[in-house]
Amino acid sequence: MIPMYGHMIEWLKIEKEIRDQNHPECPRVFRRGNKPIKNFRKSWEKACALAGVPDLVPHDLRRTAARQRARAGIHEKVIMQVCGWKTRSMFDRPTSWPSRI
């Protein structure tokens, strides 16, 4: 399960509408053209390279999301629940990615 908040649901609905218009026979919202994405890692690496962050891994986004939630004033207990962290020490761990992400 993935928690969804903010504009995420709206964006997924938009992606689904685009998919329904262009590829109504395809059950997948995310695809490459009319083909399913078979290798997430390859797609992830290509997207990161195009975005200018070639060494980014999905786990980095988890820490970035936690940092941004804390800056937005969301209580640490809520952030920990969403991220699946059991101890406060996760907030104290350094991150290797700059805050621009």
PDB file of N, CA and C in Angstrom:
ATOM      1  N   MET A   1       0.836  -1.182   0.000  1.00  0.00           N
ATOM      2  CA  MET A   1       0.000   0.000   0.000  1.00  0.00           C
ATOM      3  C   MET A   1       0.883   1.248   0.000  1.00  0.00           C
ATOM      4  N   ILE A   2       0.425   2.254  -0.697  1.00  0.00           N
ATOM      5  CA  ILE A   2       1.147   3.523  -0.759  1.00  0.00           C
ATOM      6  C   ILE A   2       0.206   4.615  -0.271  1.00  0.00           C
ATOM      7  N   PRO A   3       0.600   5.357   0.753  1.00  0.00           N
ATOM      8  CA  PRO A   3      -0.265   6.457   1.198  1.00  0.00           C
ATOM      9  C   PRO A   3      -0.309   7.548   0.136  1.00  0.00           C
ATOM     10  N   MET A   4      -1.472   8.110  -0.077  1.00  0.00           N
ATOM     11  CA  MET A   4      -1.630   9.158  -1.080  1.00  0.00           C
ATOM     12  C   MET A   4      -2.201  10.398  -0.411  1.00  0.00           C
ATOM     13  N   TYR A   5      -1.647  11.526  -0.732  1.00  0.00           N
ATOM     14  CA  TYR A   5      -2.070  12.771  -0.127  1.00  0.00           C
ATOM     15  C   TYR A   5      -1.816  13.901  -1.120  1.00  0.00           C
ATOM     16  N   GLY A   6      -2.299  15.067  -0.791  1.00  0.00           N
ATOM     17  CA  GLY A   6      -2.080  16.223  -1.657  1.00  0.00           C
ATOM     18  C   GLY A   6      -2.702  16.010  -3.030  1.00  0.00           C
ATOM     19  N   HIS A   7      -1.938  16.298  -4.048  1.00  0.00           N
ATOM     20  CA  HIS A   7      -2.417  16.226  -5.421  1.00  0.00           C
ATOM     21  C   HIS A   7      -2.223  14.855  -6.067  1.00  0.00           C
ATOM     22  N   MET A   8      -1.696  13.898  -5.324  1.00  0.00           N
ATOM     23  CA  MET A   8      -1.360  12.608  -5.925  1.00  0.00           C
ATOM     24  C   MET A   8      -2.564  11.919  -6.561  1.00  0.00           C
ATOM     25  N   ILE A   9      -3.689  11.902  -5.872  1.00  0.00           N
ATOM     26  CA  ILE A   9      -4.883  11.242  -6.414  1.00  0.00           C
ATOM     27  C   ILE A   9      -5.340  11.958  -7.682  1.00  0.00           C
ATOM     28  N   GLU A  10      -5.337  13.278  -7.643  1.00  0.00           N
ATOM     29  CA  GLU A  10      -5.728  14.070  -8.816  1.00  0.00           C
ATOM     30  C   GLU A  10      -4.818  13.764 -10.007  1.00  0.00           C
ATOM     31  N   TRP A  11      -3.499  13.682  -9.765  1.00  0.00           N
ATOM     32  CA  TRP A  11      -2.552  13.396 -10.848  1.00  0.00           C
ATOM     33  C   TRP A  11      -2.759  11.998 -11.413  1.00  0.00           C
ATOM     34  N   LEU A  12      -3.026  11.034 -10.545  1.00  0.00           N
ATOM     35  CA  LEU A  12      -3.272   9.673 -11.030  1.00  0.00           C
ATOM     36  C   LEU A  12      -4.555   9.612 -11.860  1.00  0.00           C
ATOM     37  N   LYS A  13      -5.570  10.356 -11.447  1.00  0.00           N
ATOM     38  CA  LYS A  13      -6.811  10.396 -12.228  1.00  0.00           C
ATOM     39  C   LYS A  13      -6.572  11.001 -13.606  1.00  0.00           C
ATOM     40  N   ILE A  14      -5.738  12.038 -13.657  1.00  0.00           N
ATOM     41  CA  ILE A  14      -5.401  12.657 -14.946  1.00  0.00           C
ATOM     42  C   ILE A  14      -4.660  11.656 -15.820  1.00  0.00           C
ATOM     43  N   GLU A  15      -3.681  10.941 -15.237  1.00  0.00           N
ATOM     44  CA  GLU A  15      -2.952   9.920 -16.002  1.00  0.00           C
ATOM     45  C   GLU A  15      -3.891   8.838 -16.511  1.00  0.00           C
ATOM     46  N   LYS A  16      -4.855   8.441 -15.687  1.00  0.00           N
ATOM     47  CA  LYS A  16      -5.821   7.424 -16.098  1.00  0.00           C
ATOM     48  C   LYS A  16      -6.694   7.936 -17.247  1.00  0.00           C
ATOM     49  N   GLU A  17      -7.111   9.205 -17.180  1.00  0.00           N
ATOM     50  CA  GLU A  17      -7.912   9.787 -18.264  1.00  0.00           C
ATOM     51  C   GLU A  17      -7.127   9.789 -19.571  1.00  0.00           C
ATOM     52  N   ILE A  18      -5.852  10.159 -19.500  1.00  0.00           N
ATOM     53  CA  ILE A  18      -5.001  10.157 -20.692  1.00  0.00           C
ATOM     54  C   ILE A  18      -4.890   8.745 -21.239  1.00  0.00           C
ATOM     55  N   ARG A  19      -4.665   7.793 -20.338  1.00  0.00           N
ATOM     56  CA  ARG A  19      -4.582   6.386 -20.749  1.00  0.00           C
ATOM     57  C   ARG A  19      -5.887   5.938 -21.398  1.00  0.00           C
ATOM     58  N   ASP A  20      -7.020   6.272 -20.787  1.00  0.00           N
ATOM     59  CA  ASP A  20      -8.322   5.862 -21.323  1.00  0.00           C
ATOM     60  C   ASP A  20      -8.562   6.432 -22.720  1.00  0.00           C
ATOM     61  N   GLN A  21      -8.101   7.656 -22.968  1.00  0.00           N
ATOM     62  CA  GLN A  21      -8.284   8.281 -24.276  1.00  0.00           C
ATOM     63  C   GLN A  21      -7.369   7.653 -25.335  1.00  0.00           C
ATOM     64  N   ASN A  22      -6.125   7.410 -24.954  1.00  0.00           N
ATOM     65  CA  ASN A  22      -5.134   6.953 -25.930  1.00  0.00           C
ATOM     66  C   ASN A  22      -5.000   5.444 -26.043  1.00  0.00           C
ATOM     67  N   HIS A  23      -5.219   4.735 -24.960  1.00  0.00           N
ATOM     68  CA  HIS A  23      -5.027   3.278 -24.929  1.00  0.00           C
ATOM     69  C   HIS A  23      -6.108   2.626 -24.068  1.00  0.00           C
ATOM     70  N   PRO A  24      -7.378   2.706 -24.455  1.00  0.00           N
ATOM     71  CA  PRO A  24      -8.458   2.191 -23.605  1.00  0.00           C
ATOM     72  C   PRO A  24      -8.365   0.696 -23.330  1.00  0.00           C
ATOM     73  N   GLU A  25      -7.668  -0.037 -24.173  1.00  0.00           N
ATOM     74  CA  GLU A  25      -7.549  -1.486 -23.989  1.00  0.00           C
ATOM     75  C   GLU A  25      -6.488  -1.854 -22.952  1.00  0.00           C
ATOM     76  N   CYS A  26      -5.641  -0.896 -22.577  1.00  0.00           N
ATOM     77  CA  CYS A  26      -4.527  -1.162 -21.663  1.00  0.00           C
ATOM     78  C   CYS A  26      -4.983  -1.024 -20.213  1.00  0.00           C
ATOM     79  N   PRO A  27      -4.765  -2.040 -19.378  1.00  0.00           N
ATOM     80  CA  PRO A  27      -5.180  -1.956 -17.980  1.00  0.00           C
ATOM     81  C   PRO A  27      -4.204  -1.160 -17.109  1.00  0.00           C
ATOM     82  N   ARG A  28      -3.053  -0.793 -17.636  1.00  0.00           N
ATOM     83  CA  ARG A  28      -2.021  -0.107 -16.845  1.00  0.00           C
ATOM     84  C   ARG A  28      -2.101   1.404 -17.046  1.00  0.00           C
ATOM     85  N   VAL A  29      -1.942   2.139 -15.963  1.00  0.00           N
ATOM     86  CA  VAL A  29      -1.905   3.595 -16.065  1.00  0.00           C
ATOM     87  C   VAL A  29      -0.538   4.038 -16.565  1.00  0.00           C
ATOM     88  N   PHE A  30       0.514   3.416 -16.063  1.00  0.00           N
ATOM     89  CA  PHE A  30       1.865   3.785 -16.468  1.00  0.00           C
ATOM     90  C   PHE A  30       2.388   2.767 -17.471  1.00  0.00           C
ATOM     91  N   ARG A  31       2.849   3.264 -18.596  1.00  0.00           N
ATOM     92  CA  ARG A  31       3.329   2.406 -19.657  1.00  0.00           C
ATOM     93  C   ARG A  31       4.264   3.219 -20.548  1.00  0.00           C
ATOM     94  N   ARG A  32       4.914   2.551 -21.448  1.00  0.00           N
ATOM     95  CA  ARG A  32       5.762   3.204 -22.435  1.00  0.00           C
ATOM     96  C   ARG A  32       5.042   3.048 -23.760  1.00  0.00           C
ATOM     97  N   GLY A  33       4.427   4.132 -24.227  1.00  0.00           N
ATOM     98  CA  GLY A  33       3.593   4.037 -25.426  1.00  0.00           C
ATOM     99  C   GLY A  33       2.391   3.176 -25.102  1.00  0.00           C
ATOM    100  N   ASN A  34       2.196   2.125 -25.865  1.00  0.00           N
ATOM    101  CA  ASN A  34       1.096   1.207 -25.549  1.00  0.00           C
ATOM    102  C   ASN A  34       1.627  -0.109 -24.994  1.00  0.00           C
ATOM    103  N   LYS A  35       2.890  -0.102 -24.537  1.00  0.00           N
ATOM    104  CA  LYS A  35       3.496  -1.310 -23.980  1.00  0.00           C
ATOM    105  C   LYS A  35       3.678  -1.153 -22.470  1.00  0.00           C
ATOM    106  N   PRO A  36       3.506  -2.236 -21.732  1.00  0.00           N
ATOM    107  CA  PRO A  36       3.721  -2.150 -20.277  1.00  0.00           C
ATOM    108  C   PRO A  36       5.195  -1.931 -19.951  1.00  0.00           C
ATOM    109  N   ILE A  37       5.453  -1.285 -18.836  1.00  0.00           N
ATOM    110  CA  ILE A  37       6.822  -1.145 -18.362  1.00  0.00           C
ATOM    111  C   ILE A  37       7.175  -2.459 -17.684  1.00  0.00           C
ATOM    112  N   LYS A  38       8.114  -3.174 -18.267  1.00  0.00           N
ATOM    113  CA  LYS A  38       8.466  -4.492 -17.750  1.00  0.00           C
ATOM    114  C   LYS A  38       9.610  -4.429 -16.750  1.00  0.00           C
ATOM    115  N   ASN A  39      10.482  -3.451 -16.898  1.00  0.00           N
ATOM    116  CA  ASN A  39      11.647  -3.369 -16.035  1.00  0.00           C
ATOM    117  C   ASN A  39      11.651  -2.011 -15.354  1.00  0.00           C
ATOM    118  N   PHE A  40      11.184  -1.966 -14.110  1.00  0.00           N
ATOM    119  CA  PHE A  40      11.105  -0.701 -13.383  1.00  0.00           C
ATOM    120  C   PHE A  40      12.479  -0.062 -13.243  1.00  0.00           C
ATOM    121  N   ARG A  41      13.492  -0.868 -12.948  1.00  0.00           N
ATOM    122  CA  ARG A  41      14.837  -0.333 -12.713  1.00  0.00           C
ATOM    123  C   ARG A  41      15.355   0.430 -13.935  1.00  0.00           C
ATOM    124  N   LYS A  42      15.182  -0.147 -15.122  1.00  0.00           N
ATOM    125  CA  LYS A  42      15.656   0.511 -16.340  1.00  0.00           C
ATOM    126  C   LYS A  42      14.880   1.814 -16.568  1.00  0.00           C
ATOM    127  N   SER A  43      13.576   1.777 -16.372  1.00  0.00           N
ATOM    128  CA  SER A  43      12.754   2.980 -16.546  1.00  0.00           C
ATOM    129  C   SER A  43      13.133   4.044 -15.520  1.00  0.00           C
ATOM    130  N   TRP A  44      13.360   3.617 -14.277  1.00  0.00           N
ATOM    131  CA  TRP A  44      13.749   4.532 -13.205  1.00  0.00           C
ATOM    132  C   TRP A  44      15.079   5.208 -13.560  1.00  0.00           C
ATOM    133  N   GLU A  45      16.073   4.413 -13.971  1.00  0.00           N
ATOM    134  CA  GLU A  45      17.387   4.964 -14.292  1.00  0.00           C
ATOM    135  C   GLU A  45      17.313   5.967 -15.441  1.00  0.00           C
ATOM    136  N   LYS A  46      16.505   5.664 -16.444  1.00  0.00           N
ATOM    137  CA  LYS A  46      16.355   6.579 -17.583  1.00  0.00           C
ATOM    138  C   LYS A  46      15.693   7.881 -17.133  1.00  0.00           C
ATOM    139  N   ALA A  47      14.636   7.776 -16.327  1.00  0.00           N
ATOM    140  CA  ALA A  47      13.936   8.970 -15.840  1.00  0.00           C
ATOM    141  C   ALA A  47      14.858   9.825 -14.978  1.00  0.00           C
ATOM    142  N   CYS A  48      15.648   9.193 -14.127  1.00  0.00           N
ATOM    143  CA  CYS A  48      16.576   9.933 -13.270  1.00  0.00           C
ATOM    144  C   CYS A  48      17.656  10.627 -14.090  1.00  0.00           C
ATOM    145  N   ALA A  49      18.163   9.939 -15.100  1.00  0.00           N
ATOM    146  CA  ALA A  49      19.178  10.550 -15.960  1.00  0.00           C
ATOM    147  C   ALA A  49      18.604  11.777 -16.671  1.00  0.00           C
ATOM    148  N   LEU A  50      17.378  11.659 -17.178  1.00  0.00           N
ATOM    149  CA  LEU A  50      16.735  12.792 -17.861  1.00  0.00           C
ATOM    150  C   LEU A  50      16.461  13.947 -16.903  1.00  0.00           C
ATOM    151  N   ALA A  51      16.213  13.617 -15.623  1.00  0.00           N
ATOM    152  CA  ALA A  51      15.944  14.650 -14.617  1.00  0.00           C
ATOM    153  C   ALA A  51      17.225  15.260 -14.048  1.00  0.00           C
ATOM    154  N   GLY A  52      18.370  14.683 -14.419  1.00  0.00           N
ATOM    155  CA  GLY A  52      19.634  15.222 -13.944  1.00  0.00           C
ATOM    156  C   GLY A  52      20.070  14.706 -12.580  1.00  0.00           C
ATOM    157  N   VAL A  53      19.488  13.610 -12.119  1.00  0.00           N
ATOM    158  CA  VAL A  53      19.876  12.988 -10.842  1.00  0.00           C
ATOM    159  C   VAL A  53      20.139  11.504 -11.087  1.00  0.00           C
ATOM    160  N   PRO A  54      21.221  11.189 -11.805  1.00  0.00           N
ATOM    161  CA  PRO A  54      21.446   9.816 -12.261  1.00  0.00           C
ATOM    162  C   PRO A  54      21.653   8.778 -11.162  1.00  0.00           C
ATOM    163  N   ASP A  55      22.066   9.176  -9.971  1.00  0.00           N
ATOM    164  CA  ASP A  55      22.329   8.204  -8.911  1.00  0.00           C
ATOM    165  C   ASP A  55      21.200   8.100  -7.894  1.00  0.00           C
ATOM    166  N   LEU A  56      20.078   8.704  -8.154  1.00  0.00           N
ATOM    167  CA  LEU A  56      18.946   8.673  -7.226  1.00  0.00           C
ATOM    168  C   LEU A  56      18.350   7.275  -7.163  1.00  0.00           C
ATOM    169  N   VAL A  57      18.021   6.833  -5.966  1.00  0.00           N
ATOM    170  CA  VAL A  57      17.338   5.549  -5.790  1.00  0.00           C
ATOM    171  C   VAL A  57      15.982   5.830  -5.146  1.00  0.00           C
ATOM    172  N   PRO A  58      14.984   4.973  -5.374  1.00  0.00           N
ATOM    173  CA  PRO A  58      13.648   5.243  -4.831  1.00  0.00           C
ATOM    174  C   PRO A  58      13.644   5.514  -3.325  1.00  0.00           C
ATOM    175  N   HIS A  59      14.506   4.845  -2.581  1.00  0.00           N
ATOM    176  CA  HIS A  59      14.533   5.044  -1.132  1.00  0.00           C
ATOM    177  C   HIS A  59      14.899   6.477  -0.760  1.00  0.00           C
ATOM    178  N   ASP A  60      15.700   7.155  -1.599  1.00  0.00           N
ATOM    179  CA  ASP A  60      16.051   8.548  -1.337  1.00  0.00           C
ATOM    180  C   ASP A  60      14.809   9.429  -1.281  1.00  0.00           C
ATOM    181  N   LEU A  61      13.824   9.099  -2.078  1.00  0.00           N
ATOM    182  CA  LEU A  61      12.604   9.901  -2.117  1.00  0.00           C
ATOM    183  C   LEU A  61      11.811   9.787  -0.814  1.00  0.00           C
ATOM    184  N   ARG A  62      11.937   8.666  -0.142  1.00  0.00           N
ATOM    185  CA  ARG A  62      11.265   8.469   1.134  1.00  0.00           C
ATOM    186  C   ARG A  62      11.795   9.465   2.164  1.00  0.00           C
ATOM    187  N   ARG A  63      13.119   9.608   2.223  1.00  0.00           N
ATOM    188  CA  ARG A  63      13.718  10.551   3.177  1.00  0.00           C
ATOM    189  C   ARG A  63      13.389  11.997   2.778  1.00  0.00           C
ATOM    190  N   THR A  64      13.401  12.260   1.476  1.00  0.00           N
ATOM    191  CA  THR A  64      13.059  13.603   1.005  1.00  0.00           C
ATOM    192  C   THR A  64      11.622  13.944   1.372  1.00  0.00           C
ATOM    193  N   ALA A  65      10.712  12.994   1.179  1.00  0.00           N
ATOM    194  CA  ALA A  65       9.307  13.219   1.525  1.00  0.00           C
ATOM    195  C   ALA A  65       9.160  13.492   3.019  1.00  0.00           C
ATOM    196  N   ALA A  66       9.875  12.745   3.842  1.00  0.00           N
ATOM    197  CA  ALA A  66       9.810  12.960   5.288  1.00  0.00           C
ATOM    198  C   ALA A  66      10.309  14.353   5.645  1.00  0.00           C
ATOM    199  N   ARG A  67      11.414  14.765   5.034  1.00  0.00           N
ATOM    200  CA  ARG A  67      11.981  16.089   5.308  1.00  0.00           C
ATOM    201  C   ARG A  67      10.992  17.190   4.897  1.00  0.00           C
ATOM    202  N   GLN A  68      10.379  17.024   3.730  1.00  0.00           N
ATOM    203  CA  GLN A  68       9.434  18.044   3.258  1.00  0.00           C
ATOM    204  C   GLN A  68       8.177  18.090   4.126  1.00  0.00           C
ATOM    205  N   ARG A  69       7.728  16.950   4.589  1.00  0.00           N
ATOM    206  CA  ARG A  69       6.570  16.922   5.492  1.00  0.00           C
ATOM    207  C   ARG A  69       6.892  17.629   6.800  1.00  0.00           C
ATOM    208  N   ALA A  70       8.091  17.382   7.336  1.00  0.00           N
ATOM    209  CA  ALA A  70       8.489  18.037   8.581  1.00  0.00           C
ATOM    210  C   ALA A  70       8.537  19.550   8.383  1.00  0.00           C
ATOM    211  N   ARG A  71       9.071  19.995   7.264  1.00  0.00           N
ATOM    212  CA  ARG A  71       9.129  21.433   6.968  1.00  0.00           C
ATOM    213  C   ARG A  71       7.739  22.032   6.821  1.00  0.00           C
ATOM    214  N   ALA A  72       6.789  21.204   6.381  1.00  0.00           N
ATOM    215  CA  ALA A  72       5.408  21.677   6.211  1.00  0.00           C
ATOM    216  C   ALA A  72       4.644  21.694   7.534  1.00  0.00           C
ATOM    217  N   GLY A  73       5.300  21.215   8.599  1.00  0.00           N
ATOM    218  CA  GLY A  73       4.666  21.268   9.913  1.00  0.00           C
ATOM    219  C   GLY A  73       3.906  20.013  10.311  1.00  0.00           C
ATOM    220  N   ILE A  74       4.051  18.953   9.544  1.00  0.00           N
ATOM    221  CA  ILE A  74       3.372  17.707   9.893  1.00  0.00           C
ATOM    222  C   ILE A  74       4.107  17.084  11.081  1.00  0.00           C
ATOM    223  N   HIS A  75       3.346  16.613  12.050  1.00  0.00           N
ATOM    224  CA  HIS A  75       3.910  16.045  13.273  1.00  0.00           C
ATOM    225  C   HIS A  75       4.777  14.831  12.951  1.00  0.00           C
ATOM    226  N   GLU A  76       5.905  14.717  13.654  1.00  0.00           N
ATOM    227  CA  GLU A  76       6.846  13.628  13.389  1.00  0.00           C
ATOM    228  C   GLU A  76       6.216  12.248  13.552  1.00  0.00           C
ATOM    229  N   LYS A  77       5.295  12.111  14.484  1.00  0.00           N
ATOM    230  CA  LYS A  77       4.641  10.810  14.682  1.00  0.00           C
ATOM    231  C   LYS A  77       3.886  10.394  13.421  1.00  0.00           C
ATOM    232  N   VAL A  78       3.217  11.344  12.783  1.00  0.00           N
ATOM    233  CA  VAL A  78       2.480  11.062  11.549  1.00  0.00           C
ATOM    234  C   VAL A  78       3.461  10.698  10.433  1.00  0.00           C
ATOM    235  N   ILE A  79       4.550  11.447  10.325  1.00  0.00           N
ATOM    236  CA  ILE A  79       5.558  11.166   9.303  1.00  0.00           C
ATOM    237  C   ILE A  79       6.115   9.762   9.496  1.00  0.00           C
ATOM    238  N   MET A  80       6.401   9.412  10.727  1.00  0.00           N
ATOM    239  CA  MET A  80       6.940   8.084  11.023  1.00  0.00           C
ATOM    240  C   MET A  80       5.958   6.989  10.623  1.00  0.00           C
ATOM    241  N   GLN A  81       4.677   7.206  10.873  1.00  0.00           N
ATOM    242  CA  GLN A  81       3.673   6.204  10.501  1.00  0.00           C
ATOM    243  C   GLN A  81       3.602   6.047   8.986  1.00  0.00           C
ATOM    244  N   VAL A  82       3.594   7.163   8.267  1.00  0.00           N
ATOM    245  CA  VAL A  82       3.505   7.120   6.811  1.00  0.00           C
ATOM    246  C   VAL A  82       4.738   6.452   6.211  1.00  0.00           C
ATOM    247  N   CYS A  83       5.910   6.759   6.766  1.00  0.00           N
ATOM    248  CA  CYS A  83       7.165   6.206   6.239  1.00  0.00           C
ATOM    249  C   CYS A  83       7.448   4.795   6.734  1.00  0.00           C
ATOM    250  N   GLY A  84       6.723   4.355   7.749  1.00  0.00           N
ATOM    251  CA  GLY A  84       6.956   3.022   8.279  1.00  0.00           C
ATOM    252  C   GLY A  84       8.131   2.943   9.231  1.00  0.00           C
ATOM    253  N   TRP A  85       8.501   4.065   9.839  1.00  0.00           N
ATOM    254  CA  TRP A  85       9.622   4.109  10.772  1.00  0.00           C
ATOM    255  C   TRP A  85       9.124   3.870  12.186  1.00  0.00           C
ATOM    256  N   LYS A  86       9.829   3.052  12.946  1.00  0.00           N
ATOM    257  CA  LYS A  86       9.427   2.726  14.305  1.00  0.00           C
ATOM    258  C   LYS A  86      10.122   3.579  15.356  1.00  0.00           C
ATOM    259  N   THR A  87      11.286   4.155  15.009  1.00  0.00           N
ATOM    260  CA  THR A  87      12.033   4.940  15.988  1.00  0.00           C
ATOM    261  C   THR A  87      12.331   6.343  15.484  1.00  0.00           C
ATOM    262  N   ARG A  88      12.480   7.256  16.404  1.00  0.00           N
ATOM    263  CA  ARG A  88      12.782   8.651  16.104  1.00  0.00           C
ATOM    264  C   ARG A  88      14.173   8.792  15.477  1.00  0.00           C
ATOM    265  N   SER A  89      15.044   7.823  15.678  1.00  0.00           N
ATOM    266  CA  SER A  89      16.419   7.922  15.187  1.00  0.00           C
ATOM    267  C   SER A  89      16.488   8.070  13.666  1.00  0.00           C
ATOM    268  N   MET A  90      15.446   7.660  12.960  1.00  0.00           N
ATOM    269  CA  MET A  90      15.449   7.802  11.497  1.00  0.00           C
ATOM    270  C   MET A  90      15.511   9.275  11.088  1.00  0.00           C
ATOM    271  N   PHE A  91      14.946  10.162  11.917  1.00  0.00           N
ATOM    272  CA  PHE A  91      15.004  11.587  11.606  1.00  0.00           C
ATOM    273  C   PHE A  91      16.418  12.135  11.771  1.00  0.00           C
ATOM    274  N   ASP A  92      17.211  11.482  12.609  1.00  0.00           N
ATOM    275  CA  ASP A  92      18.551  11.970  12.907  1.00  0.00           C
ATOM    276  C   ASP A  92      19.601  11.466  11.926  1.00  0.00           C
ATOM    277  N   ARG A  93      19.241  10.515  11.079  1.00  0.00           N
ATOM    278  CA  ARG A  93      20.201   9.980  10.124  1.00  0.00           C
ATOM    279  C   ARG A  93      20.476  11.004   9.035  1.00  0.00           C
ATOM    280  N   PRO A  94      21.735  11.146   8.676  1.00  0.00           N
ATOM    281  CA  PRO A  94      22.056  12.116   7.600  1.00  0.00           C
ATOM    282  C   PRO A  94      21.569  11.583   6.261  1.00  0.00           C
ATOM    283  N   THR A  95      21.270  12.483   5.378  1.00  0.00           N
ATOM    284  CA  THR A  95      20.873  12.109   4.032  1.00  0.00           C
ATOM    285  C   THR A  95      21.973  12.493   3.056  1.00  0.00           C
ATOM    286  N   SER A  96      22.156  11.691   2.043  1.00  0.00           N
ATOM    287  CA  SER A  96      23.212  11.973   1.073  1.00  0.00           C
ATOM    288  C   SER A  96      22.730  12.885  -0.045  1.00  0.00           C
ATOM    289  N   TRP A  97      21.423  13.187  -0.064  1.00  0.00           N
ATOM    290  CA  TRP A  97      20.889  14.014  -1.142  1.00  0.00           C
ATOM    291  C   TRP A  97      20.620  15.416  -0.648  1.00  0.00           C
ATOM    292  N   PRO A  98      20.898  16.417  -1.466  1.00  0.00           N
ATOM    293  CA  PRO A  98      20.632  17.800  -1.065  1.00  0.00           C
ATOM    294  C   PRO A  98      19.138  18.059  -0.982  1.00  0.00           C
ATOM    295  N   SER A  99      18.783  19.108  -0.290  1.00  0.00           N
ATOM    296  CA  SER A  99      17.368  19.418  -0.070  1.00  0.00           C
ATOM    297  C   SER A  99      16.652  19.900  -1.324  1.00  0.00           C
ATOM    298  N   ARG A 100      17.348  20.026  -2.442  1.00  0.00           N
ATOM    299  CA  ARG A 100      16.712  20.488  -3.690  1.00  0.00           C
ATOM    300  C   ARG A 100      15.809  19.417  -4.292  1.00  0.00           C
ATOM    301  N   ILE A 101      15.950  18.169  -3.859  1.00  0.00           N
ATOM    302  CA  ILE A 101      15.164  17.081  -4.439  1.00  0.00           C
ATOM    303  C   ILE A 101      13.771  17.122  -3.876  1.00  0.00           C
TER     304      ILE A 101
END
